[in-house]
Structures are given as C-alpha cells and as structure tokens.
Amino acid sequence: AQPPFQNRKDAELALIKLIEESADKHQVTILKNQPNEPVDMVDMVASTMLVEIRADLDKALRWLHDLQQPATFLSIPSLRILPDQEDAAKVMISINLQKWFRKAESS
C-alpha cells in the first residue's frame, strides 16, 4: 500500500501534512520544516525534509514513534537530540525525514 509518486510538490505536501498533524497530536513545536532534494532510487522516490522541533522529551519520543509507523513509509537517515538551553525540561531535535513513494511504473 505504498503511495505512488505523482510529483515533487504533492510528495512534499504529503510529508508536511504528516509532520504537522503528528506534531499537533503530540504537542510538539515545529521550529523548522525545510524541504530538501528528493532521493531517487530505481523503483522509489523519497520526499525529504529537515525538521527541527522543541518539546518535552516524552512527547518528542512519542512523536517520533508515531511518525515511524509502517504505514507512513518514513525513514530517518539522521537524528540529533540536544537539551534545550532555555528550558531544561525540553529537548531540541533535528531530524532528516524521508517519506518513500513508489514510482508510477512500479507495482
């Protein structure tokens, strides 16, 4: 049930929607949500975002768990968690997210 790749804009919008809905659900503040170049493989394409968030550690971990459900087709090539300098109860997470789509000619 991997979604088909239509075009870069739609793929990025799908990833942004997924990130924002999940962040709202888990009370995670998105500081940055920047699209990057897609990753193109033989039969798949990944929409890629650099995302920075601030949240309580437990909420941030629940958010990460929610994002990584098999049906989302997400991978995380890099992740960095640091304490928030302004609020010791929170963490700052910088994450590279990839949402994978099958190419239209693939089944």
PDB file of N, CA and C in Angstrom:
ATOM      1  N   ALA A   1       0.821  -1.200   0.000  1.00  0.00           N
ATOM      2  CA  ALA A   1       0.000   0.000   0.000  1.00  0.00           C
ATOM      3  C   ALA A   1       0.862   1.260   0.000  1.00  0.00           C
ATOM      4  N   GLN A   2       2.081   1.152  -0.520  1.00  0.00           N
ATOM      5  CA  GLN A   2       2.955   2.320  -0.603  1.00  0.00           C
ATOM      6  C   GLN A   2       2.362   3.291  -1.618  1.00  0.00           C
ATOM      7  N   PRO A   3       2.239   4.569  -1.238  1.00  0.00           N
ATOM      8  CA  PRO A   3       1.625   5.532  -2.153  1.00  0.00           C
ATOM      9  C   PRO A   3       2.486   5.753  -3.394  1.00  0.00           C
ATOM     10  N   PRO A   4       1.834   6.028  -4.533  1.00  0.00           N
ATOM     11  CA  PRO A   4       2.598   6.298  -5.755  1.00  0.00           C
ATOM     12  C   PRO A   4       3.129   7.722  -5.771  1.00  0.00           C
ATOM     13  N   PHE A   5       4.267   7.900  -6.416  1.00  0.00           N
ATOM     14  CA  PHE A   5       4.845   9.228  -6.588  1.00  0.00           C
ATOM     15  C   PHE A   5       4.188   9.887  -7.791  1.00  0.00           C
ATOM     16  N   GLN A   6       3.586  11.050  -7.570  1.00  0.00           N
ATOM     17  CA  GLN A   6       2.966  11.799  -8.658  1.00  0.00           C
ATOM     18  C   GLN A   6       3.900  12.910  -9.140  1.00  0.00           C
ATOM     19  N   ASN A   7       4.305  13.758  -8.180  1.00  0.00           N
ATOM     20  CA  ASN A   7       5.233  14.840  -8.484  1.00  0.00           C
ATOM     21  C   ASN A   7       5.836  15.323  -7.167  1.00  0.00           C
ATOM     22  N   ARG A   8       6.893  16.101  -7.269  1.00  0.00           N
ATOM     23  CA  ARG A   8       7.624  16.547  -6.071  1.00  0.00           C
ATOM     24  C   ARG A   8       6.741  17.375  -5.146  1.00  0.00           C
ATOM     25  N   LYS A   9       5.962  18.293  -5.702  1.00  0.00           N
ATOM     26  CA  LYS A   9       5.123  19.171  -4.886  1.00  0.00           C
ATOM     27  C   LYS A   9       4.131  18.359  -4.044  1.00  0.00           C
ATOM     28  N   ASP A  10       3.430  17.414  -4.663  1.00  0.00           N
ATOM     29  CA  ASP A  10       2.459  16.603  -3.920  1.00  0.00           C
ATOM     30  C   ASP A  10       3.130  15.736  -2.864  1.00  0.00           C
ATOM     31  N   ALA A  11       4.307  15.211  -3.188  1.00  0.00           N
ATOM     32  CA  ALA A  11       5.044  14.386  -2.223  1.00  0.00           C
ATOM     33  C   ALA A  11       5.468  15.218  -1.018  1.00  0.00           C
ATOM     34  N   GLU A  12       5.956  16.424  -1.257  1.00  0.00           N
ATOM     35  CA  GLU A  12       6.357  17.304  -0.153  1.00  0.00           C
ATOM     36  C   GLU A  12       5.157  17.714   0.688  1.00  0.00           C
ATOM     37  N   LEU A  13       4.035  18.018   0.033  1.00  0.00           N
ATOM     38  CA  LEU A  13       2.829  18.391   0.774  1.00  0.00           C
ATOM     39  C   LEU A  13       2.335  17.232   1.645  1.00  0.00           C
ATOM     40  N   ALA A  14       2.421  16.012   1.136  1.00  0.00           N
ATOM     41  CA  ALA A  14       2.007  14.839   1.926  1.00  0.00           C
ATOM     42  C   ALA A  14       2.892  14.686   3.155  1.00  0.00           C
ATOM     43  N   LEU A  15       4.187  14.889   2.997  1.00  0.00           N
ATOM     44  CA  LEU A  15       5.113  14.777   4.127  1.00  0.00           C
ATOM     45  C   LEU A  15       4.888  15.907   5.127  1.00  0.00           C
ATOM     46  N   ILE A  16       4.715  17.123   4.648  1.00  0.00           N
ATOM     47  CA  ILE A  16       4.452  18.251   5.546  1.00  0.00           C
ATOM     48  C   ILE A  16       3.173  18.018   6.342  1.00  0.00           C
ATOM     49  N   LYS A  17       2.137  17.551   5.681  1.00  0.00           N
ATOM     50  CA  LYS A  17       0.865  17.278   6.359  1.00  0.00           C
ATOM     51  C   LYS A  17       1.049  16.232   7.456  1.00  0.00           C
ATOM     52  N   LEU A  18       1.761  15.160   7.142  1.00  0.00           N
ATOM     53  CA  LEU A  18       2.026  14.103   8.118  1.00  0.00           C
ATOM     54  C   LEU A  18       2.785  14.641   9.320  1.00  0.00           C
ATOM     55  N   ILE A  19       3.818  15.433   9.073  1.00  0.00           N
ATOM     56  CA  ILE A  19       4.634  16.001  10.153  1.00  0.00           C
ATOM     57  C   ILE A  19       3.798  16.929  11.026  1.00  0.00           C
ATOM     58  N   GLU A  20       3.054  17.833  10.405  1.00  0.00           N
ATOM     59  CA  GLU A  20       2.277  18.816  11.165  1.00  0.00           C
ATOM     60  C   GLU A  20       1.151  18.173  11.971  1.00  0.00           C
ATOM     61  N   GLU A  21       0.433  17.226  11.378  1.00  0.00           N
ATOM     62  CA  GLU A  21      -0.650  16.564  12.107  1.00  0.00           C
ATOM     63  C   GLU A  21      -0.111  15.781  13.296  1.00  0.00           C
ATOM     64  N   SER A  22       0.993  15.088  13.102  1.00  0.00           N
ATOM     65  CA  SER A  22       1.586  14.318  14.191  1.00  0.00           C
ATOM     66  C   SER A  22       2.126  15.240  15.283  1.00  0.00           C
ATOM     67  N   ALA A  23       2.751  16.349  14.889  1.00  0.00           N
ATOM     68  CA  ALA A  23       3.283  17.301  15.871  1.00  0.00           C
ATOM     69  C   ALA A  23       2.151  17.896  16.711  1.00  0.00           C
ATOM     70  N   ASP A  24       1.051  18.268  16.064  1.00  0.00           N
ATOM     71  CA  ASP A  24      -0.104  18.807  16.804  1.00  0.00           C
ATOM     72  C   ASP A  24      -0.641  17.776  17.795  1.00  0.00           C
ATOM     73  N   LYS A  25      -0.740  16.553  17.351  1.00  0.00           N
ATOM     74  CA  LYS A  25      -1.267  15.465  18.180  1.00  0.00           C
ATOM     75  C   LYS A  25      -0.426  15.248  19.440  1.00  0.00           C
ATOM     76  N   HIS A  26       0.886  15.438  19.323  1.00  0.00           N
ATOM     77  CA  HIS A  26       1.799  15.153  20.433  1.00  0.00           C
ATOM     78  C   HIS A  26       2.337  16.408  21.123  1.00  0.00           C
ATOM     79  N   GLN A  27       1.778  17.554  20.814  1.00  0.00           N
ATOM     80  CA  GLN A  27       2.177  18.830  21.427  1.00  0.00           C
ATOM     81  C   GLN A  27       3.668  19.099  21.235  1.00  0.00           C
ATOM     82  N   VAL A  28       4.101  18.940  20.005  1.00  0.00           N
ATOM     83  CA  VAL A  28       5.486  19.196  19.612  1.00  0.00           C
ATOM     84  C   VAL A  28       5.504  20.484  18.802  1.00  0.00           C
ATOM     85  N   THR A  29       6.426  21.373  19.118  1.00  0.00           N
ATOM     86  CA  THR A  29       6.543  22.645  18.404  1.00  0.00           C
ATOM     87  C   THR A  29       7.541  22.492  17.258  1.00  0.00           C
ATOM     88  N   ILE A  30       7.081  22.757  16.044  1.00  0.00           N
ATOM     89  CA  ILE A  30       7.960  22.705  14.876  1.00  0.00           C
ATOM     90  C   ILE A  30       8.633  24.064  14.729  1.00  0.00           C
ATOM     91  N   LEU A  31       9.953  24.058  14.768  1.00  0.00           N
ATOM     92  CA  LEU A  31      10.725  25.282  14.607  1.00  0.00           C
ATOM     93  C   LEU A  31      11.141  25.491  13.157  1.00  0.00           C
ATOM     94  N   LYS A  32      11.336  24.380  12.453  1.00  0.00           N
ATOM     95  CA  LYS A  32      11.798  24.444  11.064  1.00  0.00           C
ATOM     96  C   LYS A  32      11.282  23.209  10.338  1.00  0.00           C
ATOM     97  N   ASN A  33      10.821  23.406   9.119  1.00  0.00           N
ATOM     98  CA  ASN A  33      10.357  22.300   8.278  1.00  0.00           C
ATOM     99  C   ASN A  33      10.769  22.662   6.854  1.00  0.00           C
ATOM    100  N   GLN A  34      11.961  22.228   6.481  1.00  0.00           N
ATOM    101  CA  GLN A  34      12.568  22.656   5.223  1.00  0.00           C
ATOM    102  C   GLN A  34      12.696  21.492   4.237  1.00  0.00           C
ATOM    103  N   PRO A  35      12.061  21.598   3.074  1.00  0.00           N
ATOM    104  CA  PRO A  35      12.222  20.546   2.057  1.00  0.00           C
ATOM    105  C   PRO A  35      13.658  20.501   1.550  1.00  0.00           C
ATOM    106  N   ASN A  36      14.120  19.296   1.265  1.00  0.00           N
ATOM    107  CA  ASN A  36      15.429  19.077   0.651  1.00  0.00           C
ATOM    108  C   ASN A  36      15.227  18.333  -0.657  1.00  0.00           C
ATOM    109  N   GLU A  37      16.304  18.133  -1.376  1.00  0.00           N
ATOM    110  CA  GLU A  37      16.229  17.411  -2.644  1.00  0.00           C
ATOM    111  C   GLU A  37      15.683  15.998  -2.413  1.00  0.00           C
ATOM    112  N   PRO A  38      14.801  15.523  -3.286  1.00  0.00           N
ATOM    113  CA  PRO A  38      14.299  14.155  -3.148  1.00  0.00           C
ATOM    114  C   PRO A  38      15.416  13.130  -3.379  1.00  0.00           C
ATOM    115  N   VAL A  39      15.205  11.959  -2.838  1.00  0.00           N
ATOM    116  CA  VAL A  39      16.123  10.839  -3.057  1.00  0.00           C
ATOM    117  C   VAL A  39      15.474   9.937  -4.097  1.00  0.00           C
ATOM    118  N   ASP A  40      16.192   9.651  -5.161  1.00  0.00           N
ATOM    119  CA  ASP A  40      15.645   8.859  -6.260  1.00  0.00           C
ATOM    120  C   ASP A  40      16.375   7.525  -6.331  1.00  0.00           C
ATOM    121  N   MET A  41      15.609   6.453  -6.196  1.00  0.00           N
ATOM    122  CA  MET A  41      16.165   5.105  -6.331  1.00  0.00           C
ATOM    123  C   MET A  41      15.525   4.444  -7.546  1.00  0.00           C
ATOM    124  N   VAL A  42      15.896   3.220  -7.820  1.00  0.00           N
ATOM    125  CA  VAL A  42      15.420   2.532  -9.019  1.00  0.00           C
ATOM    126  C   VAL A  42      13.897   2.521  -9.102  1.00  0.00           C
ATOM    127  N   ASP A  43      13.219   2.116  -8.040  1.00  0.00           N
ATOM    128  CA  ASP A  43      11.755   1.996  -8.105  1.00  0.00           C
ATOM    129  C   ASP A  43      11.022   2.820  -7.047  1.00  0.00           C
ATOM    130  N   MET A  44      11.768   3.699  -6.347  1.00  0.00           N
ATOM    131  CA  MET A  44      11.157   4.533  -5.314  1.00  0.00           C
ATOM    132  C   MET A  44      11.746   5.944  -5.345  1.00  0.00           C
ATOM    133  N   VAL A  45      10.955   6.881  -4.815  1.00  0.00           N
ATOM    134  CA  VAL A  45      11.395   8.264  -4.655  1.00  0.00           C
ATOM    135  C   VAL A  45      11.026   8.678  -3.235  1.00  0.00           C
ATOM    136  N   ALA A  46      11.930   9.400  -2.570  1.00  0.00           N
ATOM    137  CA  ALA A  46      11.644   9.880  -1.219  1.00  0.00           C
ATOM    138  C   ALA A  46      11.584  11.396  -1.204  1.00  0.00           C
ATOM    139  N   SER A  47      10.503  11.910  -0.644  1.00  0.00           N
ATOM    140  CA  SER A  47      10.422  13.327  -0.327  1.00  0.00           C
ATOM    141  C   SER A  47      11.195  13.498   0.975  1.00  0.00           C
ATOM    142  N   THR A  48      12.047  14.515   1.049  1.00  0.00           N
ATOM    143  CA  THR A  48      12.946  14.672   2.194  1.00  0.00           C
ATOM    144  C   THR A  48      12.753  16.034   2.855  1.00  0.00           C
ATOM    145  N   MET A  49      12.689  16.028   4.187  1.00  0.00           N
ATOM    146  CA  MET A  49      12.534  17.259   4.957  1.00  0.00           C
ATOM    147  C   MET A  49      13.544  17.282   6.093  1.00  0.00           C
ATOM    148  N   LEU A  50      14.089  18.464   6.341  1.00  0.00           N
ATOM    149  CA  LEU A  50      14.867  18.706   7.542  1.00  0.00           C
ATOM    150  C   LEU A  50      13.912  19.374   8.526  1.00  0.00           C
ATOM    151  N   VAL A  51      13.691  18.734   9.663  1.00  0.00           N
ATOM    152  CA  VAL A  51      12.721  19.217  10.645  1.00  0.00           C
ATOM    153  C   VAL A  51      13.438  19.448  11.966  1.00  0.00           C
ATOM    154  N   GLU A  52      13.154  20.586  12.583  1.00  0.00           N
ATOM    155  CA  GLU A  52      13.649  20.879  13.923  1.00  0.00           C
ATOM    156  C   GLU A  52      12.449  21.129  14.810  1.00  0.00           C
ATOM    157  N   ILE A  53      12.458  20.487  15.985  1.00  0.00           N
ATOM    158  CA  ILE A  53      11.331  20.622  16.912  1.00  0.00           C
ATOM    159  C   ILE A  53      11.829  20.907  18.325  1.00  0.00           C
ATOM    160  N   ARG A  54      10.913  21.391  19.164  1.00  0.00           N
ATOM    161  CA  ARG A  54      11.158  21.574  20.595  1.00  0.00           C
ATOM    162  C   ARG A  54       9.968  20.947  21.312  1.00  0.00           C
ATOM    163  N   ALA A  55      10.259  20.157  22.355  1.00  0.00           N
ATOM    164  CA  ALA A  55       9.182  19.514  23.107  1.00  0.00           C
ATOM    165  C   ALA A  55       9.739  18.883  24.371  1.00  0.00           C
ATOM    166  N   ASP A  56       8.833  18.498  25.271  1.00  0.00           N
ATOM    167  CA  ASP A  56       9.222  17.668  26.402  1.00  0.00           C
ATOM    168  C   ASP A  56       9.755  16.353  25.834  1.00  0.00           C
ATOM    169  N   LEU A  57      10.728  15.745  26.486  1.00  0.00           N
ATOM    170  CA  LEU A  57      11.346  14.528  25.964  1.00  0.00           C
ATOM    171  C   LEU A  57      10.318  13.429  25.713  1.00  0.00           C
ATOM    172  N   ASP A  58       9.409  13.176  26.665  1.00  0.00           N
ATOM    173  CA  ASP A  58       8.445  12.095  26.470  1.00  0.00           C
ATOM    174  C   ASP A  58       7.521  12.371  25.288  1.00  0.00           C
ATOM    175  N   LYS A  59       7.109  13.617  25.094  1.00  0.00           N
ATOM    176  CA  LYS A  59       6.252  13.964  23.954  1.00  0.00           C
ATOM    177  C   LYS A  59       7.025  13.840  22.642  1.00  0.00           C
ATOM    178  N   ALA A  60       8.277  14.244  22.652  1.00  0.00           N
ATOM    179  CA  ALA A  60       9.107  14.136  21.454  1.00  0.00           C
ATOM    180  C   ALA A  60       9.306  12.671  21.062  1.00  0.00           C
ATOM    181  N   LEU A  61       9.534  11.815  22.039  1.00  0.00           N
ATOM    182  CA  LEU A  61       9.719  10.389  21.736  1.00  0.00           C
ATOM    183  C   LEU A  61       8.429   9.749  21.234  1.00  0.00           C
ATOM    184  N   ARG A  62       7.298  10.158  21.794  1.00  0.00           N
ATOM    185  CA  ARG A  62       6.003   9.654  21.293  1.00  0.00           C
ATOM    186  C   ARG A  62       5.763  10.122  19.859  1.00  0.00           C
ATOM    187  N   TRP A  63       6.139  11.364  19.580  1.00  0.00           N
ATOM    188  CA  TRP A  63       6.023  11.901  18.225  1.00  0.00           C
ATOM    189  C   TRP A  63       6.869  11.080  17.250  1.00  0.00           C
ATOM    190  N   LEU A  64       8.120  10.805  17.619  1.00  0.00           N
ATOM    191  CA  LEU A  64       8.991  10.003  16.761  1.00  0.00           C
ATOM    192  C   LEU A  64       8.419   8.605  16.538  1.00  0.00           C
ATOM    193  N   HIS A  65       7.875   8.011  17.582  1.00  0.00           N
ATOM    194  CA  HIS A  65       7.271   6.686  17.457  1.00  0.00           C
ATOM    195  C   HIS A  65       6.073   6.725  16.517  1.00  0.00           C
ATOM    196  N   ASP A  66       5.251   7.743  16.663  1.00  0.00           N
ATOM    197  CA  ASP A  66       4.066   7.897  15.811  1.00  0.00           C
ATOM    198  C   ASP A  66       4.465   8.051  14.345  1.00  0.00           C
ATOM    199  N   LEU A  67       5.505   8.818  14.084  1.00  0.00           N
ATOM    200  CA  LEU A  67       5.952   9.032  12.707  1.00  0.00           C
ATOM    201  C   LEU A  67       6.440   7.753  12.039  1.00  0.00           C
ATOM    202  N   GLN A  68       6.992   6.842  12.823  1.00  0.00           N
ATOM    203  CA  GLN A  68       7.655   5.670  12.253  1.00  0.00           C
ATOM    204  C   GLN A  68       6.762   4.447  12.102  1.00  0.00           C
ATOM    205  N   GLN A  69       5.477   4.638  12.070  1.00  0.00           N
ATOM    206  CA  GLN A  69       4.574   3.509  11.862  1.00  0.00           C
ATOM    207  C   GLN A  69       4.774   2.968  10.441  1.00  0.00           C
ATOM    208  N   PRO A  70       4.666   1.667  10.230  1.00  0.00           N
ATOM    209  CA  PRO A  70       4.919   1.096   8.903  1.00  0.00           C
ATOM    210  C   PRO A  70       4.092   1.735   7.781  1.00  0.00           C
ATOM    211  N   ALA A  71       2.879   2.121   8.057  1.00  0.00           N
ATOM    212  CA  ALA A  71       2.017   2.682   7.009  1.00  0.00           C
ATOM    213  C   ALA A  71       2.460   4.055   6.528  1.00  0.00           C
ATOM    214  N   THR A  72       3.361   4.718   7.267  1.00  0.00           N
ATOM    215  CA  THR A  72       3.811   6.048   6.856  1.00  0.00           C
ATOM    216  C   THR A  72       4.939   5.992   5.824  1.00  0.00           C
ATOM    217  N   PHE A  73       5.627   4.861   5.715  1.00  0.00           N
ATOM    218  CA  PHE A  73       6.746   4.697   4.783  1.00  0.00           C
ATOM    219  C   PHE A  73       7.819   5.767   4.997  1.00  0.00           C
ATOM    220  N   LEU A  74       8.135   6.018   6.274  1.00  0.00           N
ATOM    221  CA  LEU A  74       9.156   7.012   6.618  1.00  0.00           C
ATOM    222  C   LEU A  74      10.462   6.343   7.017  1.00  0.00           C
ATOM    223  N   SER A  75      11.547   7.001   6.670  1.00  0.00           N
ATOM    224  CA  SER A  75      12.847   6.592   7.191  1.00  0.00           C
ATOM    225  C   SER A  75      13.502   7.828   7.795  1.00  0.00           C
ATOM    226  N   ILE A  76      14.435   7.588   8.707  1.00  0.00           N
ATOM    227  CA  ILE A  76      15.135   8.665   9.401  1.00  0.00           C
ATOM    228  C   ILE A  76      16.634   8.438   9.229  1.00  0.00           C
ATOM    229  N   PRO A  77      17.241   9.058   8.197  1.00  0.00           N
ATOM    230  CA  PRO A  77      18.673   8.863   7.985  1.00  0.00           C
ATOM    231  C   PRO A  77      19.551   9.548   9.025  1.00  0.00           C
ATOM    232  N   SER A  78      19.033  10.614   9.650  1.00  0.00           N
ATOM    233  CA  SER A  78      19.831  11.265  10.696  1.00  0.00           C
ATOM    234  C   SER A  78      18.911  11.906  11.726  1.00  0.00           C
ATOM    235  N   LEU A  79      19.413  11.904  12.976  1.00  0.00           N
ATOM    236  CA  LEU A  79      18.639  12.420  14.098  1.00  0.00           C
ATOM    237  C   LEU A  79      19.620  12.938  15.143  1.00  0.00           C
ATOM    238  N   ARG A  80      19.312  14.110  15.683  1.00  0.00           N
ATOM    239  CA  ARG A  80      20.147  14.675  16.751  1.00  0.00           C
ATOM    240  C   ARG A  80      19.225  15.218  17.833  1.00  0.00           C
ATOM    241  N   ILE A  81      19.457  14.803  19.076  1.00  0.00           N
ATOM    242  CA  ILE A  81      18.678  15.281  20.218  1.00  0.00           C
ATOM    243  C   ILE A  81      19.622  16.012  21.162  1.00  0.00           C
ATOM    244  N   LEU A  82      19.262  17.253  21.495  1.00  0.00           N
ATOM    245  CA  LEU A  82      20.059  18.061  22.416  1.00  0.00           C
ATOM    246  C   LEU A  82      19.141  18.665  23.467  1.00  0.00           C
ATOM    247  N   PRO A  83      19.662  18.939  24.654  1.00  0.00           N
ATOM    248  CA  PRO A  83      18.840  19.636  25.648  1.00  0.00           C
ATOM    249  C   PRO A  83      18.564  21.058  25.181  1.00  0.00           C
ATOM    250  N   ASP A  84      17.388  21.553  25.509  1.00  0.00           N
ATOM    251  CA  ASP A  84      17.034  22.940  25.192  1.00  0.00           C
ATOM    252  C   ASP A  84      17.764  23.850  26.182  1.00  0.00           C
ATOM    253  N   GLN A  85      18.536  24.794  25.670  1.00  0.00           N
ATOM    254  CA  GLN A  85      19.322  25.690  26.524  1.00  0.00           C
ATOM    255  C   GLN A  85      18.442  26.632  27.338  1.00  0.00           C
ATOM    256  N   GLU A  86      17.240  26.929  26.843  1.00  0.00           N
ATOM    257  CA  GLU A  86      16.349  27.869  27.517  1.00  0.00           C
ATOM    258  C   GLU A  86      15.414  27.200  28.520  1.00  0.00           C
ATOM    259  N   ASP A  87      15.144  25.912  28.333  1.00  0.00           N
ATOM    260  CA  ASP A  87      14.200  25.199  29.199  1.00  0.00           C
ATOM    261  C   ASP A  87      14.712  23.775  29.397  1.00  0.00           C
ATOM    262  N   ALA A  88      15.226  23.486  30.580  1.00  0.00           N
ATOM    263  CA  ALA A  88      15.839  22.177  30.863  1.00  0.00           C
ATOM    264  C   ALA A  88      14.839  21.022  30.776  1.00  0.00           C
ATOM    265  N   ALA A  89      13.548  21.308  30.820  1.00  0.00           N
ATOM    266  CA  ALA A  89      12.533  20.257  30.725  1.00  0.00           C
ATOM    267  C   ALA A  89      12.276  19.836  29.282  1.00  0.00           C
ATOM    268  N   LYS A  90      12.855  20.551  28.336  1.00  0.00           N
ATOM    269  CA  LYS A  90      12.592  20.268  26.919  1.00  0.00           C
ATOM    270  C   LYS A  90      13.867  19.854  26.186  1.00  0.00           C
ATOM    271  N   VAL A  91      13.649  19.260  25.007  1.00  0.00           N
ATOM    272  CA  VAL A  91      14.756  18.895  24.127  1.00  0.00           C
ATOM    273  C   VAL A  91      14.535  19.546  22.768  1.00  0.00           C
ATOM    274  N   MET A  92      15.625  19.668  22.050  1.00  0.00           N
ATOM    275  CA  MET A  92      15.604  20.140  20.668  1.00  0.00           C
ATOM    276  C   MET A  92      15.996  18.937  19.805  1.00  0.00           C
ATOM    277  N   ILE A  93      15.210  18.670  18.796  1.00  0.00           N
ATOM    278  CA  ILE A  93      15.515  17.555  17.906  1.00  0.00           C
ATOM    279  C   ILE A  93      15.638  18.080  16.485  1.00  0.00           C
ATOM    280  N   SER A  94      16.726  17.705  15.846  1.00  0.00           N
ATOM    281  CA  SER A  94      16.939  17.981  14.431  1.00  0.00           C
ATOM    282  C   SER A  94      16.907  16.620  13.731  1.00  0.00           C
ATOM    283  N   ILE A  95      16.025  16.495  12.756  1.00  0.00           N
ATOM    284  CA  ILE A  95      15.794  15.189  12.149  1.00  0.00           C
ATOM    285  C   ILE A  95      15.652  15.334  10.637  1.00  0.00           C
ATOM    286  N   ASN A  96      16.225  14.389   9.932  1.00  0.00           N
ATOM    287  CA  ASN A  96      16.059  14.312   8.491  1.00  0.00           C
ATOM    288  C   ASN A  96      15.042  13.203   8.235  1.00  0.00           C
ATOM    289  N   LEU A  97      13.890  13.571   7.687  1.00  0.00           N
ATOM    290  CA  LEU A  97      12.822  12.604   7.421  1.00  0.00           C
ATOM    291  C   LEU A  97      12.693  12.359   5.928  1.00  0.00           C
ATOM    292  N   GLN A  98      12.468  11.096   5.567  1.00  0.00           N
ATOM    293  CA  GLN A  98      12.227  10.732   4.172  1.00  0.00           C
ATOM    294  C   GLN A  98      10.932   9.939   4.098  1.00  0.00           C
ATOM    295  N   LYS A  99       9.991  10.396   3.292  1.00  0.00           N
ATOM    296  CA  LYS A  99       8.758   9.646   3.035  1.00  0.00           C
ATOM    297  C   LYS A  99       8.894   9.032   1.650  1.00  0.00           C
ATOM    298  N   TRP A 100       8.778   7.701   1.618  1.00  0.00           N
ATOM    299  CA  TRP A 100       9.026   6.960   0.383  1.00  0.00           C
ATOM    300  C   TRP A 100       7.739   6.714  -0.395  1.00  0.00           C
ATOM    301  N   PHE A 101       7.859   6.889  -1.699  1.00  0.00           N
ATOM    302  CA  PHE A 101       6.768   6.649  -2.641  1.00  0.00           C
ATOM    303  C   PHE A 101       7.269   5.696  -3.719  1.00  0.00           C
ATOM    304  N   ARG A 102       6.374   4.877  -4.231  1.00  0.00           N
ATOM    305  CA  ARG A 102       6.782   4.009  -5.359  1.00  0.00           C
ATOM    306  C   ARG A 102       6.638   4.800  -6.634  1.00  0.00           C
ATOM    307  N   LYS A 103       7.544   4.564  -7.556  1.00  0.00           N
ATOM    308  CA  LYS A 103       7.442   5.231  -8.850  1.00  0.00           C
ATOM    309  C   LYS A 103       6.231   4.686  -9.576  1.00  0.00           C
ATOM    310  N   ALA A 104       5.616   5.517 -10.381  1.00  0.00           N
ATOM    311  CA  ALA A 104       4.361   5.168 -11.059  1.00  0.00           C
ATOM    312  C   ALA A 104       4.474   3.885 -11.884  1.00  0.00           C
ATOM    313  N   GLU A 105       5.631   3.654 -12.500  1.00  0.00           N
ATOM    314  CA  GLU A 105       5.782   2.448 -13.309  1.00  0.00           C
ATOM    315  C   GLU A 105       6.029   1.189 -12.491  1.00  0.00           C
ATOM    316  N   SER A 106       6.251   1.335 -11.162  1.00  0.00           N
ATOM    317  CA  SER A 106       6.465   0.185 -10.282  1.00  0.00           C
ATOM    318  C   SER A 106       5.142  -0.322  -9.761  1.00  0.00           C
ATOM    319  N   SER A 107       5.057  -1.606  -9.470  1.00  0.00           N
ATOM    320  CA  SER A 107       3.821  -2.131  -8.879  1.00  0.00           C
ATOM    321  C   SER A 107       4.044  -2.630  -7.488  1.00  0.00           C
TER     322      SER A 107
END
